[in-house]
C-alpha atoms as a PDB file:
ATOM      1  CA  UNK A   1     -11.108 -11.862  -9.662  1.00  0.00           C
ATOM      2  CA  UNK A   2     -12.856 -14.438 -12.067  1.00  0.00           C
ATOM      3  CA  UNK A   3     -11.305 -14.718 -15.599  1.00  0.00           C
ATOM      4  CA  UNK A   4     -13.263 -16.816 -18.304  1.00  0.00           C
ATOM      5  CA  UNK A   5     -10.497 -18.501 -20.153  1.00  0.00           C
ATOM      6  CA  UNK A   6     -12.687 -20.573 -22.237  1.00  0.00           C
ATOM      7  CA  UNK A   7     -14.357 -17.292 -23.767  1.00  0.00           C
ATOM      8  CA  UNK A   8     -10.930 -16.059 -24.200  1.00  0.00           C
ATOM      9  CA  UNK A   9      -9.842 -19.043 -26.261  1.00  0.00           C
ATOM     10  CA  UNK A  10     -12.751 -19.236 -28.219  1.00  0.00           C
ATOM     11  CA  UNK A  11     -12.430 -15.517 -29.323  1.00  0.00           C
ATOM     12  CA  UNK A  12      -8.755 -15.929 -30.058  1.00  0.00           C
ATOM     13  CA  UNK A  13      -9.473 -19.185 -32.088  1.00  0.00           C
ATOM     14  CA  UNK A  14     -11.939 -17.129 -34.225  1.00  0.00           C
ATOM     15  CA  UNK A  15      -9.500 -14.368 -34.804  1.00  0.00           C
ATOM     16  CA  UNK A  16      -6.780 -16.900 -35.791  1.00  0.00           C
ATOM     17  CA  UNK A  17      -9.426 -18.468 -38.228  1.00  0.00           C
ATOM     18  CA  UNK A  18     -10.133 -15.127 -39.653  1.00  0.00           C
ATOM     19  CA  UNK A  19      -6.646 -14.485 -40.092  1.00  0.00           C
ATOM     20  CA  UNK A  20      -6.035 -17.736 -41.752  1.00  0.00           C
ATOM     21  CA  UNK A  21      -8.709 -17.257 -43.991  1.00  0.00           C
ATOM     22  CA  UNK A  22      -7.527 -13.903 -44.963  1.00  0.00           C
ATOM     23  CA  UNK A  23      -3.990 -15.181 -45.334  1.00  0.00           C
ATOM     24  CA  UNK A  24      -5.271 -17.746 -47.778  1.00  0.00           C
ATOM     25  CA  UNK A  25      -7.249 -15.254 -49.832  1.00  0.00           C
ATOM     26  CA  UNK A  26      -4.133 -13.006 -50.366  1.00  0.00           C
ATOM     27  CA  UNK A  27      -1.791 -16.370 -51.307  1.00  0.00           C
ATOM     28  CA  UNK A  28      -4.421 -17.022 -53.883  1.00  0.00           C
ATOM     29  CA  UNK A  29      -4.313 -13.426 -55.334  1.00  0.00           C
ATOM     30  CA  UNK A  30      -0.786 -13.468 -55.182  1.00  0.00           C
ATOM     31  CA  UNK A  31      -0.647 -16.845 -57.092  1.00  0.00           C
ATOM     32  CA  UNK A  32      -3.074 -15.590 -59.730  1.00  0.00           C
ATOM     33  CA  UNK A  33      -0.878 -12.232 -60.106  1.00  0.00           C
ATOM     34  CA  UNK A  34       2.135 -14.199 -60.721  1.00  0.00           C
ATOM     35  CA  UNK A  35       0.317 -16.411 -63.389  1.00  0.00           C
ATOM     36  CA  UNK A  36      -0.676 -13.185 -65.080  1.00  0.00           C
ATOM     37  CA  UNK A  37       2.549 -11.758 -64.822  1.00  0.00           C
ATOM     38  CA  UNK A  38       4.386 -14.718 -66.672  1.00  0.00           C
ATOM     39  CA  UNK A  39       1.244 -14.418 -69.506  1.00  0.00           C
ATOM     40  CA  UNK A  40       2.385 -10.917 -70.148  1.00  0.00           C
ATOM     41  CA  UNK A  41       4.598 -10.775 -73.071  1.00  0.00           C
ATOM     42  CA  UNK A  42       7.520  -8.293 -73.204  1.00  0.00           C
ATOM     43  CA  UNK A  43       6.984  -5.336 -75.623  1.00  0.00           C
ATOM     44  CA  UNK A  44       9.868  -4.821 -78.197  1.00  0.00           C
ATOM     45  CA  UNK A  45      10.035  -1.407 -79.894  1.00  0.00           C
ATOM     46  CA  UNK A  46      11.932  -1.716 -83.420  1.00  0.00           C
ATOM     47  CA  UNK A  47      12.137   1.848 -84.405  1.00  0.00           C
ATOM     48  CA  UNK A  48      10.874   5.090 -83.217  1.00  0.00           C
ATOM     49  CA  UNK A  49      10.564   7.725 -85.954  1.00  0.00           C
ATOM     50  CA  UNK A  50      10.053  11.568 -84.944  1.00  0.00           C
ATOM     51  CA  UNK A  51       8.261  13.721 -87.411  1.00  0.00           C
ATOM     52  CA  UNK A  52       9.638  17.135 -86.199  1.00  0.00           C
ATOM     53  CA  UNK A  53       8.547  18.836 -89.675  1.00  0.00           C
ATOM     54  CA  UNK A  54       5.305  18.088 -88.753  1.00  0.00           C
ATOM     55  CA  UNK A  55       4.991  20.064 -85.395  1.00  0.00           C
ATOM     56  CA  UNK A  56       3.484  23.535 -85.641  1.00  0.00           C
ATOM     57  CA  UNK A  57       4.256  25.998 -82.933  1.00  0.00           C
ATOM     58  CA  UNK A  58       1.158  28.352 -82.041  1.00  0.00           C
ATOM     59  CA  UNK A  59       2.771  30.167 -79.308  1.00  0.00           C
ATOM     60  CA  UNK A  60       6.164  30.679 -78.067  1.00  0.00           C
ATOM     61  CA  UNK A  61       7.000  32.415 -74.727  1.00  0.00           C
ATOM     62  CA  UNK A  62       9.201  32.087 -71.998  1.00  0.00           C
ATOM     63  CA  UNK A  63      13.005  32.593 -71.249  1.00  0.00           C
ATOM     64  CA  UNK A  64      15.657  30.485 -72.932  1.00  0.00           C
ATOM     65  CA  UNK A  65      18.879  30.223 -71.129  1.00  0.00           C
ATOM     66  CA  UNK A  66      22.001  28.945 -73.076  1.00  0.00           C
ATOM     67  CA  UNK A  67      25.199  28.421 -71.391  1.00  0.00           C
ATOM     68  CA  UNK A  68      24.340  29.415 -67.971  1.00  0.00           C
ATOM     69  CA  UNK A  69      22.160  27.387 -65.887  1.00  0.00           C
ATOM     70  CA  UNK A  70      20.189  28.136 -62.577  1.00  0.00           C
ATOM     71  CA  UNK A  71      22.139  25.585 -60.808  1.00  0.00           C
ATOM     72  CA  UNK A  72      25.732  26.815 -61.472  1.00  0.00           C
ATOM     73  CA  UNK A  73      28.131  27.253 -58.621  1.00  0.00           C
ATOM     74  CA  UNK A  74      27.994  30.720 -57.434  1.00  0.00           C
ATOM     75  CA  UNK A  75      31.451  30.993 -56.639  1.00  0.00           C
ATOM     76  CA  UNK A  76      32.352  29.724 -60.306  1.00  0.00           C
ATOM     77  CA  UNK A  77      29.832  32.224 -62.108  1.00  0.00           C
ATOM     78  CA  UNK A  78      31.371  34.990 -59.896  1.00  0.00           C
ATOM     79  CA  UNK A  79      34.800  34.126 -61.202  1.00  0.00           C
ATOM     80  CA  UNK A  80      33.883  33.955 -64.710  1.00  0.00           C
ATOM     81  CA  UNK A  81      32.058  37.220 -64.585  1.00  0.00           C
ATOM     82  CA  UNK A  82      35.064  38.964 -63.313  1.00  0.00           C
ATOM     83  CA  UNK A  83      37.276  37.081 -65.904  1.00  0.00           C
ATOM     84  CA  UNK A  84      34.862  38.479 -68.619  1.00  0.00           C
ATOM     85  CA  UNK A  85      35.029  41.985 -67.337  1.00  0.00           C
ATOM     86  CA  UNK A  86      38.823  41.951 -67.396  1.00  0.00           C
ATOM     87  CA  UNK A  87      39.035  40.496 -70.889  1.00  0.00           C
ATOM     88  CA  UNK A  88      36.655  43.412 -71.970  1.00  0.00           C
ATOM     89  CA  UNK A  89      38.733  45.979 -70.206  1.00  0.00           C
ATOM     90  CA  UNK A  90      41.933  44.525 -71.785  1.00  0.00           C
ATOM     91  CA  UNK A  91      40.139  44.733 -75.253  1.00  0.00           C
ATOM     92  CA  UNK A  92      39.036  48.384 -74.664  1.00  0.00           C
ATOM     93  CA  UNK A  93      42.327  49.294 -73.624  1.00  0.00           C
ATOM     94  CA  UNK A  94      43.853  47.774 -76.785  1.00  0.00           C
ATOM     95  CA  UNK A  95      41.473  49.516 -78.968  1.00  0.00           C
ATOM     96  CA  UNK A  96      42.076  52.732 -77.426  1.00  0.00           C
ATOM     97  CA  UNK A  97      45.844  52.387 -77.851  1.00  0.00           C
ATOM     98  CA  UNK A  98      45.652  51.334 -81.328  1.00  0.00           C
ATOM     99  CA  UNK A  99      43.496  54.235 -82.221  1.00  0.00           C
ATOM    100  CA  UNK A 100      45.902  56.696 -80.189  1.00  0.00           C
ATOM    101  CA  UNK A 101      48.732  55.441 -82.392  1.00  0.00           C
ATOM    102  CA  UNK A 102      46.921  54.917 -85.415  1.00  0.00           C
ATOM    103  CA  UNK A 103      48.294  51.132 -85.476  1.00  0.00           C
ATOM    104  CA  UNK A 104      46.697  48.103 -84.794  1.00  0.00           C
ATOM    105  CA  UNK A 105      47.630  45.870 -82.071  1.00  0.00           C
ATOM    106  CA  UNK A 106      48.071  41.954 -82.703  1.00  0.00           C
END
């Protein structure tokens, strides 16, 4: 089997030159970008004024959740609901007692 090493070396030499040219272009572009980046002045914001009074609401729709979020722990939420029910039951029982005795319980 005959292998033409000279042709293979010429092919590899051409590919290496292409890659070196491409590398040179990328390095030049990188240097230009670095120079451009150094010339950019930082933005400094002194004050931000919100003019809420100038906003107008044309349509208001959706759900407003206050106090509870969808990401609450389910076990903690269940515990809170049970505690709330127990407190309401105690209040109802106290109201019934005060009405039956005619006295308010403190």
